[in-house]
Amino acid sequence: MTLLNKFKIWLDFLGFPNKHECLVRKVDIDNIYSDMIVAQSWLLPNDRPDDEITQKIYMTTLPRWNWFLSSMHEGDELWYYRFPNEMWQKLRGSHGYLILRDDNYYRYFEIAKN
């Protein structure tokens, strides 16, 4: 089973009436690392998000992240996703990035889950 199929099954299992409800914002690939700082804004008050350079250095050491970004083709859309708060409260939360190709989920990269 591919990761994409796992993601689709996961969304179905969690019962999202509209699968696009977890898509928060479209992201420009050139600004992905500054977007990650925004994505970390929901951290607890005592936590501090990394700066953009630290974020980029860390993320580019991850082979799966590099594979994820290199799989984008012209016309693909990169989106930041975050499951609704009630899913986090039920310990079923997730957030990260996904690629939409022809308005279908193509690949995703999970930053964190609980």
N, C-alpha and C. Protein backbone atom coordinates (compact mmCIF):
# COMPACT_ATOMS: atom_id res chain seq x y z
N MET A 1 0.85 -1.18 0.00
CA MET A 1 0.00 0.00 0.00
C MET A 1 0.89 1.24 0.00
N THR A 2 0.62 2.15 -0.92
CA THR A 2 1.42 3.36 -1.01
C THR A 2 1.09 4.32 0.13
N LEU A 3 2.01 5.25 0.38
CA LEU A 3 1.76 6.26 1.42
C LEU A 3 0.53 7.09 1.09
N LEU A 4 0.36 7.38 -0.19
CA LEU A 4 -0.80 8.18 -0.58
C LEU A 4 -2.10 7.44 -0.26
N ASN A 5 -2.16 6.16 -0.58
CA ASN A 5 -3.36 5.39 -0.26
C ASN A 5 -3.59 5.33 1.24
N LYS A 6 -2.50 5.21 2.01
CA LYS A 6 -2.63 5.22 3.47
C LYS A 6 -3.25 6.54 3.93
N PHE A 7 -2.81 7.64 3.31
CA PHE A 7 -3.32 8.96 3.69
C PHE A 7 -4.81 9.05 3.38
N LYS A 8 -5.22 8.60 2.20
CA LYS A 8 -6.64 8.64 1.82
C LYS A 8 -7.48 7.77 2.76
N ILE A 9 -7.00 6.58 3.06
CA ILE A 9 -7.72 5.69 3.98
C ILE A 9 -7.80 6.32 5.36
N TRP A 10 -6.72 6.94 5.77
CA TRP A 10 -6.67 7.61 7.07
C TRP A 10 -7.73 8.71 7.14
N LEU A 11 -7.79 9.53 6.09
CA LEU A 11 -8.80 10.60 6.06
C LEU A 11 -10.21 10.02 6.09
N ASP A 12 -10.44 8.94 5.35
CA ASP A 12 -11.75 8.29 5.37
C ASP A 12 -12.07 7.75 6.77
N PHE A 13 -11.07 7.10 7.38
CA PHE A 13 -11.25 6.52 8.71
C PHE A 13 -11.60 7.60 9.74
N LEU A 14 -10.95 8.75 9.62
CA LEU A 14 -11.19 9.82 10.58
C LEU A 14 -12.53 10.50 10.35
N GLY A 15 -13.15 10.23 9.23
CA GLY A 15 -14.50 10.72 8.99
C GLY A 15 -14.60 12.16 8.55
N PHE A 16 -13.64 12.65 7.80
CA PHE A 16 -13.76 14.01 7.30
C PHE A 16 -14.87 14.06 6.27
N PRO A 17 -15.90 14.86 6.50
CA PRO A 17 -16.98 14.96 5.51
C PRO A 17 -16.48 15.55 4.20
N ASN A 18 -15.52 16.46 4.29
CA ASN A 18 -14.92 17.07 3.11
C ASN A 18 -13.42 16.93 3.27
N LYS A 19 -12.81 16.14 2.44
CA LYS A 19 -11.39 15.84 2.59
C LYS A 19 -10.52 17.10 2.49
N HIS A 20 -11.04 18.14 1.84
CA HIS A 20 -10.25 19.37 1.70
C HIS A 20 -10.32 20.25 2.95
N GLU A 21 -11.11 19.85 3.95
CA GLU A 21 -11.23 20.71 5.12
C GLU A 21 -9.94 20.82 5.92
N CYS A 22 -9.03 19.88 5.74
CA CYS A 22 -7.77 19.96 6.48
C CYS A 22 -6.71 20.76 5.71
N LEU A 23 -7.00 21.16 4.48
CA LEU A 23 -6.06 21.98 3.73
C LEU A 23 -6.14 23.41 4.24
N VAL A 24 -5.05 23.89 4.80
CA VAL A 24 -5.04 25.21 5.44
C VAL A 24 -4.68 26.31 4.44
N ARG A 25 -3.59 26.11 3.72
CA ARG A 25 -3.17 27.15 2.77
C ARG A 25 -2.27 26.55 1.70
N LYS A 26 -2.34 27.15 0.53
CA LYS A 26 -1.47 26.80 -0.58
C LYS A 26 -0.11 27.46 -0.30
N VAL A 27 0.96 26.74 -0.58
CA VAL A 27 2.30 27.21 -0.25
C VAL A 27 3.14 27.30 -1.53
N ASP A 28 3.87 28.38 -1.65
CA ASP A 28 4.82 28.53 -2.75
C ASP A 28 6.09 27.77 -2.36
N ILE A 29 6.55 26.89 -3.23
CA ILE A 29 7.71 26.05 -2.90
C ILE A 29 8.94 26.89 -2.56
N ASP A 30 9.04 28.08 -3.13
CA ASP A 30 10.18 28.95 -2.83
C ASP A 30 10.14 29.50 -1.41
N ASN A 31 8.97 29.45 -0.78
CA ASN A 31 8.80 29.97 0.58
C ASN A 31 8.48 28.87 1.59
N ILE A 32 8.77 27.64 1.25
CA ILE A 32 8.37 26.51 2.10
C ILE A 32 8.98 26.59 3.50
N TYR A 33 10.23 27.01 3.63
CA TYR A 33 10.87 27.01 4.94
C TYR A 33 10.37 28.15 5.81
N SER A 34 10.05 29.29 5.23
CA SER A 34 9.44 30.36 6.03
C SER A 34 8.01 29.98 6.40
N ASP A 35 7.33 29.21 5.53
CA ASP A 35 5.99 28.74 5.85
C ASP A 35 6.03 27.79 7.05
N MET A 36 7.09 27.03 7.19
CA MET A 36 7.19 26.11 8.32
C MET A 36 7.22 26.86 9.65
N ILE A 37 7.78 28.06 9.64
CA ILE A 37 7.78 28.88 10.86
C ILE A 37 6.34 29.24 11.22
N VAL A 38 5.54 29.61 10.22
CA VAL A 38 4.12 29.90 10.45
C VAL A 38 3.41 28.64 10.94
N ALA A 39 3.75 27.49 10.35
CA ALA A 39 3.10 26.23 10.71
C ALA A 39 3.39 25.85 12.17
N GLN A 40 4.50 26.31 12.70
CA GLN A 40 4.85 25.99 14.08
C GLN A 40 4.24 26.96 15.09
N SER A 41 3.48 27.93 14.61
CA SER A 41 2.95 28.97 15.49
C SER A 41 1.96 28.44 16.52
N TRP A 42 1.46 27.23 16.32
CA TRP A 42 0.49 26.66 17.25
C TRP A 42 1.18 25.93 18.40
N LEU A 43 2.52 25.94 18.43
CA LEU A 43 3.25 25.29 19.51
C LEU A 43 2.87 25.88 20.86
N LEU A 44 3.16 25.16 21.90
CA LEU A 44 2.89 25.66 23.24
C LEU A 44 3.64 26.96 23.47
N PRO A 45 3.14 27.82 24.38
CA PRO A 45 3.74 29.15 24.56
C PRO A 45 5.23 29.12 24.90
N ASN A 46 5.69 28.09 25.59
CA ASN A 46 7.10 28.04 25.98
C ASN A 46 8.00 27.50 24.87
N ASP A 47 7.42 26.94 23.82
CA ASP A 47 8.20 26.44 22.69
C ASP A 47 8.46 27.57 21.71
N ARG A 48 9.61 27.53 21.10
CA ARG A 48 9.94 28.54 20.09
C ARG A 48 10.19 27.85 18.76
N PRO A 49 9.58 28.33 17.70
CA PRO A 49 9.86 27.73 16.39
C PRO A 49 11.29 28.04 15.97
N ASP A 50 11.84 27.17 15.14
CA ASP A 50 13.17 27.41 14.59
C ASP A 50 13.12 28.59 13.64
N ASP A 51 14.29 29.17 13.38
CA ASP A 51 14.35 30.19 12.34
C ASP A 51 14.41 29.48 10.99
N GLU A 52 14.24 30.24 9.92
CA GLU A 52 14.12 29.66 8.58
C GLU A 52 15.38 28.89 8.17
N ILE A 53 16.55 29.42 8.46
CA ILE A 53 17.80 28.76 8.06
C ILE A 53 17.96 27.44 8.81
N THR A 54 17.71 27.43 10.10
CA THR A 54 17.80 26.19 10.89
C THR A 54 16.82 25.16 10.37
N GLN A 55 15.62 25.61 10.05
CA GLN A 55 14.58 24.72 9.52
C GLN A 55 15.04 24.09 8.21
N LYS A 56 15.60 24.90 7.33
CA LYS A 56 16.04 24.39 6.02
C LYS A 56 17.19 23.40 6.18
N ILE A 57 18.15 23.72 7.03
CA ILE A 57 19.29 22.83 7.24
C ILE A 57 18.81 21.48 7.74
N TYR A 58 17.90 21.50 8.71
CA TYR A 58 17.39 20.24 9.26
C TYR A 58 16.59 19.45 8.22
N MET A 59 15.64 20.11 7.58
CA MET A 59 14.74 19.40 6.66
C MET A 59 15.49 18.80 5.47
N THR A 60 16.50 19.49 4.96
CA THR A 60 17.20 18.98 3.79
C THR A 60 18.11 17.80 4.12
N THR A 61 18.26 17.46 5.39
CA THR A 61 19.00 16.25 5.76
C THR A 61 18.11 15.01 5.72
N LEU A 62 16.81 15.21 5.55
CA LEU A 62 15.86 14.09 5.56
C LEU A 62 15.62 13.58 4.14
N PRO A 63 16.05 12.37 3.82
CA PRO A 63 15.88 11.85 2.46
C PRO A 63 14.42 11.87 1.99
N ARG A 64 13.50 11.54 2.87
CA ARG A 64 12.10 11.51 2.45
C ARG A 64 11.59 12.90 2.10
N TRP A 65 12.05 13.93 2.81
CA TRP A 65 11.66 15.31 2.50
C TRP A 65 12.18 15.69 1.11
N ASN A 66 13.43 15.38 0.83
CA ASN A 66 14.01 15.70 -0.48
C ASN A 66 13.28 14.96 -1.59
N TRP A 67 12.95 13.69 -1.35
CA TRP A 67 12.18 12.91 -2.33
C TRP A 67 10.80 13.53 -2.54
N PHE A 68 10.16 13.95 -1.44
CA PHE A 68 8.84 14.56 -1.51
C PHE A 68 8.88 15.80 -2.40
N LEU A 69 9.79 16.73 -2.12
CA LEU A 69 9.86 17.96 -2.91
C LEU A 69 10.25 17.70 -4.36
N SER A 70 11.15 16.75 -4.57
CA SER A 70 11.59 16.48 -5.95
C SER A 70 10.50 15.80 -6.79
N SER A 71 9.46 15.32 -6.14
CA SER A 71 8.38 14.65 -6.89
C SER A 71 7.37 15.63 -7.47
N MET A 72 7.54 16.93 -7.17
CA MET A 72 6.61 17.93 -7.71
C MET A 72 6.87 18.15 -9.19
N HIS A 73 5.78 18.25 -9.95
CA HIS A 73 5.84 18.54 -11.38
C HIS A 73 5.15 19.86 -11.64
N GLU A 74 5.38 20.39 -12.83
CA GLU A 74 4.70 21.63 -13.22
C GLU A 74 3.19 21.42 -13.13
N GLY A 75 2.51 22.37 -12.54
CA GLY A 75 1.06 22.28 -12.38
C GLY A 75 0.63 21.70 -11.05
N ASP A 76 1.54 21.06 -10.32
CA ASP A 76 1.21 20.55 -8.99
C ASP A 76 1.02 21.71 -8.02
N GLU A 77 0.25 21.47 -6.97
CA GLU A 77 0.06 22.46 -5.91
C GLU A 77 0.59 21.89 -4.61
N LEU A 78 1.32 22.72 -3.87
CA LEU A 78 1.83 22.35 -2.56
C LEU A 78 0.95 23.01 -1.50
N TRP A 79 0.45 22.21 -0.56
CA TRP A 79 -0.46 22.71 0.47
C TRP A 79 0.05 22.33 1.85
N TYR A 80 -0.17 23.23 2.80
CA TYR A 80 0.02 22.90 4.21
C TYR A 80 -1.31 22.35 4.71
N TYR A 81 -1.28 21.21 5.38
CA TYR A 81 -2.50 20.65 5.95
C TYR A 81 -2.37 20.54 7.47
N ARG A 82 -3.46 20.66 8.13
CA ARG A 82 -3.53 20.48 9.58
C ARG A 82 -4.90 19.95 9.91
N PHE A 83 -4.93 18.84 10.63
CA PHE A 83 -6.21 18.28 11.03
C PHE A 83 -6.88 19.22 12.03
N PRO A 84 -8.21 19.23 12.05
CA PRO A 84 -8.95 20.11 12.96
C PRO A 84 -8.60 19.84 14.44
N ASN A 85 -8.79 20.86 15.27
CA ASN A 85 -8.45 20.78 16.69
C ASN A 85 -9.08 19.58 17.39
N GLU A 86 -10.32 19.24 17.03
CA GLU A 86 -10.97 18.11 17.71
C GLU A 86 -10.23 16.80 17.45
N MET A 87 -9.54 16.70 16.31
CA MET A 87 -8.77 15.49 16.04
C MET A 87 -7.52 15.44 16.92
N TRP A 88 -6.91 16.60 17.17
CA TRP A 88 -5.75 16.65 18.06
C TRP A 88 -6.17 16.30 19.48
N GLN A 89 -7.34 16.77 19.90
CA GLN A 89 -7.83 16.47 21.24
C GLN A 89 -8.11 14.98 21.41
N LYS A 90 -8.44 14.30 20.32
CA LYS A 90 -8.69 12.86 20.36
C LYS A 90 -7.42 12.05 20.10
N LEU A 91 -6.27 12.74 20.08
CA LEU A 91 -4.97 12.12 19.80
C LEU A 91 -4.93 11.46 18.41
N ARG A 92 -5.55 12.14 17.44
CA ARG A 92 -5.55 11.69 16.06
C ARG A 92 -5.15 12.82 15.12
N GLY A 93 -4.37 13.77 15.65
CA GLY A 93 -3.99 14.93 14.87
C GLY A 93 -2.78 14.69 13.99
N SER A 94 -2.65 15.51 12.98
CA SER A 94 -1.51 15.45 12.07
C SER A 94 -1.40 16.80 11.37
N HIS A 95 -0.16 17.16 11.03
CA HIS A 95 0.02 18.33 10.17
C HIS A 95 1.28 18.12 9.34
N GLY A 96 1.30 18.77 8.19
CA GLY A 96 2.43 18.64 7.28
C GLY A 96 2.11 19.26 5.94
N TYR A 97 2.69 18.71 4.91
CA TYR A 97 2.52 19.24 3.56
C TYR A 97 2.07 18.13 2.63
N LEU A 98 1.29 18.51 1.63
CA LEU A 98 0.90 17.53 0.63
C LEU A 98 0.90 18.16 -0.75
N ILE A 99 1.02 17.30 -1.72
CA ILE A 99 1.03 17.72 -3.11
C ILE A 99 -0.31 17.31 -3.73
N LEU A 100 -0.98 18.29 -4.32
CA LEU A 100 -2.18 18.01 -5.10
C LEU A 100 -1.79 18.01 -6.57
N ARG A 101 -2.19 16.96 -7.26
CA ARG A 101 -1.95 16.86 -8.70
C ARG A 101 -3.31 16.62 -9.34
N ASP A 102 -3.70 17.52 -10.22
CA ASP A 102 -5.02 17.42 -10.87
C ASP A 102 -6.13 17.34 -9.82
N ASP A 103 -6.00 18.13 -8.75
CA ASP A 103 -6.97 18.22 -7.66
C ASP A 103 -7.14 16.90 -6.89
N ASN A 104 -6.15 16.02 -6.95
CA ASN A 104 -6.16 14.77 -6.19
C ASN A 104 -4.92 14.73 -5.32
N TYR A 105 -5.03 14.10 -4.16
CA TYR A 105 -3.87 13.92 -3.30
C TYR A 105 -2.84 13.08 -4.03
N TYR A 106 -1.61 13.58 -4.08
CA TYR A 106 -0.55 12.84 -4.77
C TYR A 106 0.47 12.28 -3.76
N ARG A 107 1.03 13.16 -2.95
CA ARG A 107 1.98 12.73 -1.91
C ARG A 107 1.82 13.64 -0.71
N TYR A 108 2.21 13.12 0.45
CA TYR A 108 2.20 13.98 1.63
C TYR A 108 3.43 13.72 2.47
N PHE A 109 3.79 14.73 3.26
CA PHE A 109 4.90 14.64 4.19
C PHE A 109 4.38 15.10 5.54
N GLU A 110 4.36 14.20 6.47
CA GLU A 110 3.82 14.50 7.80
C GLU A 110 4.93 15.09 8.67
N ILE A 111 4.67 16.27 9.21
CA ILE A 111 5.65 16.93 10.09
C ILE A 111 5.49 16.39 11.51
N ALA A 112 4.26 16.28 11.97
CA ALA A 112 4.01 15.79 13.34
C ALA A 112 2.63 15.19 13.43
N LYS A 113 2.48 14.28 14.37
CA LYS A 113 1.16 13.70 14.68
C LYS A 113 1.13 13.36 16.15
N ASN A 114 -0.07 13.10 16.65
CA ASN A 114 -0.18 12.68 18.05
C ASN A 114 -1.07 11.47 18.15
